[in-house]
Amino acid sequence: MSLHIIIDGYNLIRHSDIFSDLDRRDIQLGRDALIDTLAEYKKIKPHRITIVFDGLNAPIFSQHRDRIKGIEIKFSRGGESADSVIKKISAREKEKALIVSSDRDIVDFAASQGSATIDSILFAQKIAMASYVDKKAMDEDEGWIPTTKKKGPNKRLSKRQRRNRIKIKKL
């Protein structure tokens, strides 16, 4: 089953240390930095990625839907919020979706639809770590490292939490 990562764009930008500094200078710089970072991430992990932004701050000549560097970008239409667009996509995608947002309303709705969710800050850390690990792997190929770490059932999570964890591990 392929994973569709749906990102609350401004939520991620404003909760991330990297993107928020650029966003304060110019909103377009924050969007571009996020798109560039996700394009690099997509080279490592080829998941389908959609970023949803509020159309209120959309570039003047932008369409409501676009594709840049393999990342699908959507701007909400007039009178519609990015939150409602994310909820619609979550309702349509159900278990295939991983919703990236720190907005409690979106997270609760997505979970009720069966979608996995991840906090914006945690997702920003994951994509930064994936980029770092990929660059390090290119520098040195150490191979397999033996370990004595035991694997076994500890306290079993609920089925929803296990599904959520599996999707987050794919990041």
C-alpha atoms as a PDB file:
ATOM      1  CA  MET A   1       0.000   0.000   0.000  1.00  0.00           C
ATOM      2  CA  SER A   2       1.497   3.324  -1.053  1.00  0.00           C
ATOM      3  CA  LEU A   3       1.639   6.174   1.412  1.00  0.00           C
ATOM      4  CA  HIS A   4       0.202   9.604   0.630  1.00  0.00           C
ATOM      5  CA  ILE A   5       1.710  12.310   2.849  1.00  0.00           C
ATOM      6  CA  ILE A   6      -0.649  15.282   3.182  1.00  0.00           C
ATOM      7  CA  ILE A   7       0.960  18.330   4.768  1.00  0.00           C
ATOM      8  CA  ASP A   8      -0.671  21.348   6.385  1.00  0.00           C
ATOM      9  CA  GLY A   9       1.807  23.723   4.705  1.00  0.00           C
ATOM     10  CA  TYR A  10       1.770  26.857   6.848  1.00  0.00           C
ATOM     11  CA  ASN A  11       1.414  24.780  10.016  1.00  0.00           C
ATOM     12  CA  LEU A  12       4.625  22.901   9.197  1.00  0.00           C
ATOM     13  CA  ILE A  13       6.456  26.052   8.113  1.00  0.00           C
ATOM     14  CA  ARG A  14       5.564  27.982  11.257  1.00  0.00           C
ATOM     15  CA  HIS A  15       6.356  25.099  13.652  1.00  0.00           C
ATOM     16  CA  SER A  16       9.732  24.307  12.072  1.00  0.00           C
ATOM     17  CA  ASP A  17      12.848  26.191  13.158  1.00  0.00           C
ATOM     18  CA  ILE A  18      14.331  26.026   9.660  1.00  0.00           C
ATOM     19  CA  PHE A  19      11.349  27.275   7.682  1.00  0.00           C
ATOM     20  CA  SER A  20       9.897  29.758  10.191  1.00  0.00           C
ATOM     21  CA  ASP A  21      12.950  32.042   9.970  1.00  0.00           C
ATOM     22  CA  LEU A  22      12.571  32.232   6.192  1.00  0.00           C
ATOM     23  CA  ASP A  23       8.803  32.665   6.508  1.00  0.00           C
ATOM     24  CA  ARG A  24       9.241  35.716   8.740  1.00  0.00           C
ATOM     25  CA  ARG A  25      11.391  37.376   6.056  1.00  0.00           C
ATOM     26  CA  ASP A  26       9.142  36.457   3.122  1.00  0.00           C
ATOM     27  CA  ILE A  27       6.271  33.986   2.977  1.00  0.00           C
ATOM     28  CA  GLN A  28       7.351  32.799  -0.498  1.00  0.00           C
ATOM     29  CA  LEU A  29      10.850  31.961   0.816  1.00  0.00           C
ATOM     30  CA  GLY A  30       9.306  29.680   3.440  1.00  0.00           C
ATOM     31  CA  ARG A  31       7.148  27.905   0.850  1.00  0.00           C
ATOM     32  CA  ASP A  32      10.070  27.472  -1.553  1.00  0.00           C
ATOM     33  CA  ALA A  33      12.357  26.112   1.183  1.00  0.00           C
ATOM     34  CA  LEU A  34       9.684  23.592   2.220  1.00  0.00           C
ATOM     35  CA  ILE A  35       9.142  22.457  -1.374  1.00  0.00           C
ATOM     36  CA  ASP A  36      12.900  22.106  -1.974  1.00  0.00           C
ATOM     37  CA  THR A  37      13.361  20.093   1.231  1.00  0.00           C
ATOM     38  CA  LEU A  38      10.454  17.802   0.394  1.00  0.00           C
ATOM     39  CA  ALA A  39      11.755  17.317  -3.161  1.00  0.00           C
ATOM     40  CA  GLU A  40      15.080  16.141  -1.693  1.00  0.00           C
ATOM     41  CA  TYR A  41      13.190  13.879   0.720  1.00  0.00           C
ATOM     42  CA  LYS A  42      11.150  12.457  -2.175  1.00  0.00           C
ATOM     43  CA  LYS A  43      14.380  11.334  -3.842  1.00  0.00           C
ATOM     44  CA  ILE A  44      15.138   9.223  -0.754  1.00  0.00           C
ATOM     45  CA  LYS A  45      11.588   8.008  -0.029  1.00  0.00           C
ATOM     46  CA  PRO A  46       9.318   8.082  -3.096  1.00  0.00           C
ATOM     47  CA  HIS A  47       6.027   8.664  -1.271  1.00  0.00           C
ATOM     48  CA  ARG A  48       3.275  10.728  -2.858  1.00  0.00           C
ATOM     49  CA  ILE A  49       3.358  14.167  -1.191  1.00  0.00           C
ATOM     50  CA  THR A  50       0.695  16.888  -1.198  1.00  0.00           C
ATOM     51  CA  ILE A  51       1.124  20.257   0.497  1.00  0.00           C
ATOM     52  CA  VAL A  52      -2.026  22.248   1.237  1.00  0.00           C
ATOM     53  CA  PHE A  53      -1.777  26.010   1.779  1.00  0.00           C
ATOM     54  CA  ASP A  54      -4.455  28.581   2.590  1.00  0.00           C
ATOM     55  CA  GLY A  55      -5.398  30.348  -0.642  1.00  0.00           C
ATOM     56  CA  LEU A  56      -5.506  33.679   1.159  1.00  0.00           C
ATOM     57  CA  ASN A  57      -1.692  33.962   0.953  1.00  0.00           C
ATOM     58  CA  ALA A  58      -1.370  32.353  -2.486  1.00  0.00           C
ATOM     59  CA  PRO A  59       0.928  33.904  -5.080  1.00  0.00           C
ATOM     60  CA  ILE A  60      -1.008  36.255  -7.359  1.00  0.00           C
ATOM     61  CA  PHE A  61      -0.723  34.219 -10.573  1.00  0.00           C
ATOM     62  CA  SER A  62      -0.840  30.778  -8.960  1.00  0.00           C
ATOM     63  CA  GLN A  63      -3.361  28.142  -9.823  1.00  0.00           C
ATOM     64  CA  HIS A  64      -5.263  26.402  -7.058  1.00  0.00           C
ATOM     65  CA  ARG A  65      -3.400  23.218  -7.933  1.00  0.00           C
ATOM     66  CA  ASP A  66       0.169  22.790  -9.107  1.00  0.00           C
ATOM     67  CA  ARG A  67       3.017  20.263  -9.238  1.00  0.00           C
ATOM     68  CA  ILE A  68       6.574  21.395  -8.510  1.00  0.00           C
ATOM     69  CA  LYS A  69       9.515  18.961  -8.396  1.00  0.00           C
ATOM     70  CA  GLY A  70       7.120  16.017  -8.018  1.00  0.00           C
ATOM     71  CA  ILE A  71       5.318  17.601  -5.045  1.00  0.00           C
ATOM     72  CA  GLU A  72       1.617  18.347  -5.477  1.00  0.00           C
ATOM     73  CA  ILE A  73       0.706  21.796  -4.159  1.00  0.00           C
ATOM     74  CA  LYS A  74      -2.851  22.888  -3.467  1.00  0.00           C
ATOM     75  CA  PHE A  75      -4.147  26.284  -2.411  1.00  0.00           C
ATOM     76  CA  SER A  76      -7.606  26.457  -0.873  1.00  0.00           C
ATOM     77  CA  ARG A  77     -10.183  28.429  -2.803  1.00  0.00           C
ATOM     78  CA  GLY A  78     -11.869  31.614  -1.600  1.00  0.00           C
ATOM     79  CA  GLY A  79     -14.016  31.037   1.468  1.00  0.00           C
ATOM     80  CA  GLU A  80     -12.414  27.657   2.078  1.00  0.00           C
ATOM     81  CA  SER A  81      -9.638  26.934   4.569  1.00  0.00           C
ATOM     82  CA  ALA A  82      -6.684  24.619   4.095  1.00  0.00           C
ATOM     83  CA  ASP A  83      -8.030  22.637   7.050  1.00  0.00           C
ATOM     84  CA  SER A  84     -11.223  21.752   5.175  1.00  0.00           C
ATOM     85  CA  VAL A  85      -9.218  20.730   2.083  1.00  0.00           C
ATOM     86  CA  ILE A  86      -7.025  18.461   4.231  1.00  0.00           C
ATOM     87  CA  LYS A  87     -10.125  16.945   5.836  1.00  0.00           C
ATOM     88  CA  LYS A  88     -11.621  16.202   2.402  1.00  0.00           C
ATOM     89  CA  ILE A  89      -8.433  14.510   1.233  1.00  0.00           C
ATOM     90  CA  SER A  90      -8.213  12.552   4.493  1.00  0.00           C
ATOM     91  CA  ALA A  91     -11.806  11.374   4.122  1.00  0.00           C
ATOM     92  CA  ARG A  92     -11.090  10.259   0.544  1.00  0.00           C
ATOM     93  CA  GLU A  93      -7.715   8.579   1.191  1.00  0.00           C
ATOM     94  CA  LYS A  94      -8.544   7.026   4.602  1.00  0.00           C
ATOM     95  CA  GLU A  95      -5.819   4.475   5.577  1.00  0.00           C
ATOM     96  CA  LYS A  96      -3.526   5.465   2.705  1.00  0.00           C
ATOM     97  CA  ALA A  97      -2.974   8.952   4.154  1.00  0.00           C
ATOM     98  CA  LEU A  98      -0.445  10.293   6.643  1.00  0.00           C
ATOM     99  CA  ILE A  99      -1.530  13.746   7.811  1.00  0.00           C
ATOM    100  CA  VAL A 100       1.193  16.176   8.926  1.00  0.00           C
ATOM    101  CA  SER A 101      -0.260  18.846  11.194  1.00  0.00           C
ATOM    102  CA  SER A 102      -0.143  20.151  14.749  1.00  0.00           C
ATOM    103  CA  ASP A 103      -3.743  21.381  14.504  1.00  0.00           C
ATOM    104  CA  ARG A 104      -5.765  19.275  16.952  1.00  0.00           C
ATOM    105  CA  ASP A 105      -8.977  19.594  14.900  1.00  0.00           C
ATOM    106  CA  ILE A 106      -7.325  18.167  11.768  1.00  0.00           C
ATOM    107  CA  VAL A 107      -5.525  15.428  13.710  1.00  0.00           C
ATOM    108  CA  ASP A 108      -8.717  14.280  15.442  1.00  0.00           C
ATOM    109  CA  PHE A 109     -10.698  14.257  12.197  1.00  0.00           C
ATOM    110  CA  ALA A 110      -7.982  12.370  10.315  1.00  0.00           C
ATOM    111  CA  ALA A 111      -7.696   9.773  13.078  1.00  0.00           C
ATOM    112  CA  SER A 112     -11.463   9.257  12.976  1.00  0.00           C
ATOM    113  CA  GLN A 113     -11.172   8.571   9.227  1.00  0.00           C
ATOM    114  CA  GLY A 114      -8.443   5.978   9.768  1.00  0.00           C
ATOM    115  CA  SER A 115      -5.562   8.149   8.554  1.00  0.00           C
ATOM    116  CA  ALA A 116      -2.257   8.144  10.394  1.00  0.00           C
ATOM    117  CA  THR A 117      -1.103  11.462  11.842  1.00  0.00           C
ATOM    118  CA  ILE A 118       2.218  13.002  12.810  1.00  0.00           C
ATOM    119  CA  ASP A 119       3.014  16.291  14.527  1.00  0.00           C
ATOM    120  CA  SER A 120       4.591  18.982  12.317  1.00  0.00           C
ATOM    121  CA  ILE A 121       7.672  19.344  14.525  1.00  0.00           C
ATOM    122  CA  LEU A 122       8.307  15.598  14.550  1.00  0.00           C
ATOM    123  CA  PHE A 123       7.865  15.394  10.765  1.00  0.00           C
ATOM    124  CA  ALA A 124      10.333  18.254  10.223  1.00  0.00           C
ATOM    125  CA  GLN A 125      12.846  16.359  12.365  1.00  0.00           C
ATOM    126  CA  LYS A 126      12.217  13.142  10.407  1.00  0.00           C
ATOM    127  CA  ILE A 127      12.809  14.730   7.000  1.00  0.00           C
ATOM    128  CA  ALA A 128      15.928  16.494   8.293  1.00  0.00           C
ATOM    129  CA  MET A 129      17.215  13.204   9.721  1.00  0.00           C
ATOM    130  CA  ALA A 130      16.441  11.302   6.493  1.00  0.00           C
ATOM    131  CA  SER A 131      18.414  13.847   4.508  1.00  0.00           C
ATOM    132  CA  TYR A 132      21.314  13.668   6.976  1.00  0.00           C
ATOM    133  CA  VAL A 133      21.365   9.842   7.011  1.00  0.00           C
ATOM    134  CA  ASP A 134      21.228   9.678   3.205  1.00  0.00           C
ATOM    135  CA  LYS A 135      24.182  12.058   2.852  1.00  0.00           C
ATOM    136  CA  LYS A 136      26.129  10.142   5.490  1.00  0.00           C
ATOM    137  CA  ALA A 137      25.357   6.816   3.778  1.00  0.00           C
ATOM    138  CA  MET A 138      26.763   8.213   0.548  1.00  0.00           C
ATOM    139  CA  ASP A 139      29.983   9.169   2.348  1.00  0.00           C
ATOM    140  CA  GLU A 140      30.595   5.827   4.011  1.00  0.00           C
ATOM    141  CA  ASP A 141      29.159   2.380   3.520  1.00  0.00           C
ATOM    142  CA  GLU A 142      29.813   0.465   6.729  1.00  0.00           C
ATOM    143  CA  GLY A 143      27.532  -2.492   6.088  1.00  0.00           C
ATOM    144  CA  TRP A 144      25.813  -4.588   8.716  1.00  0.00           C
ATOM    145  CA  ILE A 145      26.575  -3.917  12.392  1.00  0.00           C
ATOM    146  CA  PRO A 146      25.814  -6.834  14.718  1.00  0.00           C
ATOM    147  CA  THR A 147      23.642  -6.097  17.735  1.00  0.00           C
ATOM    148  CA  THR A 148      22.366  -7.955  20.772  1.00  0.00           C
ATOM    149  CA  LYS A 149      19.255  -5.823  21.100  1.00  0.00           C
ATOM    150  CA  LYS A 150      16.294  -8.059  21.880  1.00  0.00           C
ATOM    151  CA  LYS A 151      13.051  -7.846  19.983  1.00  0.00           C
ATOM    152  CA  GLY A 152       9.907  -9.020  21.623  1.00  0.00           C
ATOM    153  CA  PRO A 153       6.517  -7.941  22.813  1.00  0.00           C
ATOM    154  CA  ASN A 154       6.629  -5.345  25.528  1.00  0.00           C
ATOM    155  CA  LYS A 155       3.297  -3.678  26.064  1.00  0.00           C
ATOM    156  CA  ARG A 156       1.269  -3.995  22.901  1.00  0.00           C
ATOM    157  CA  LEU A 157      -0.144  -0.802  21.441  1.00  0.00           C
ATOM    158  CA  SER A 158      -3.669  -0.537  20.135  1.00  0.00           C
ATOM    159  CA  LYS A 159      -4.287  -1.520  16.522  1.00  0.00           C
ATOM    160  CA  ARG A 160      -4.658   2.142  15.458  1.00  0.00           C
ATOM    161  CA  GLN A 161      -1.398   3.075  17.188  1.00  0.00           C
ATOM    162  CA  ARG A 162       0.421   0.144  15.564  1.00  0.00           C
ATOM    163  CA  ARG A 163      -0.823   1.185  12.087  1.00  0.00           C
ATOM    164  CA  ASN A 164       0.163   4.772  12.823  1.00  0.00           C
ATOM    165  CA  ARG A 165       3.647   3.660  13.915  1.00  0.00           C
ATOM    166  CA  ILE A 166       4.115   1.560  10.758  1.00  0.00           C
ATOM    167  CA  LYS A 167       3.290   4.530   8.533  1.00  0.00           C
ATOM    168  CA  ILE A 168       5.585   6.850  10.476  1.00  0.00           C
ATOM    169  CA  LYS A 169       8.424   4.309  10.212  1.00  0.00           C
ATOM    170  CA  LYS A 170       8.099   4.516   6.430  1.00  0.00           C
ATOM    171  CA  LEU A 171       9.219   8.137   6.641  1.00  0.00           C
END
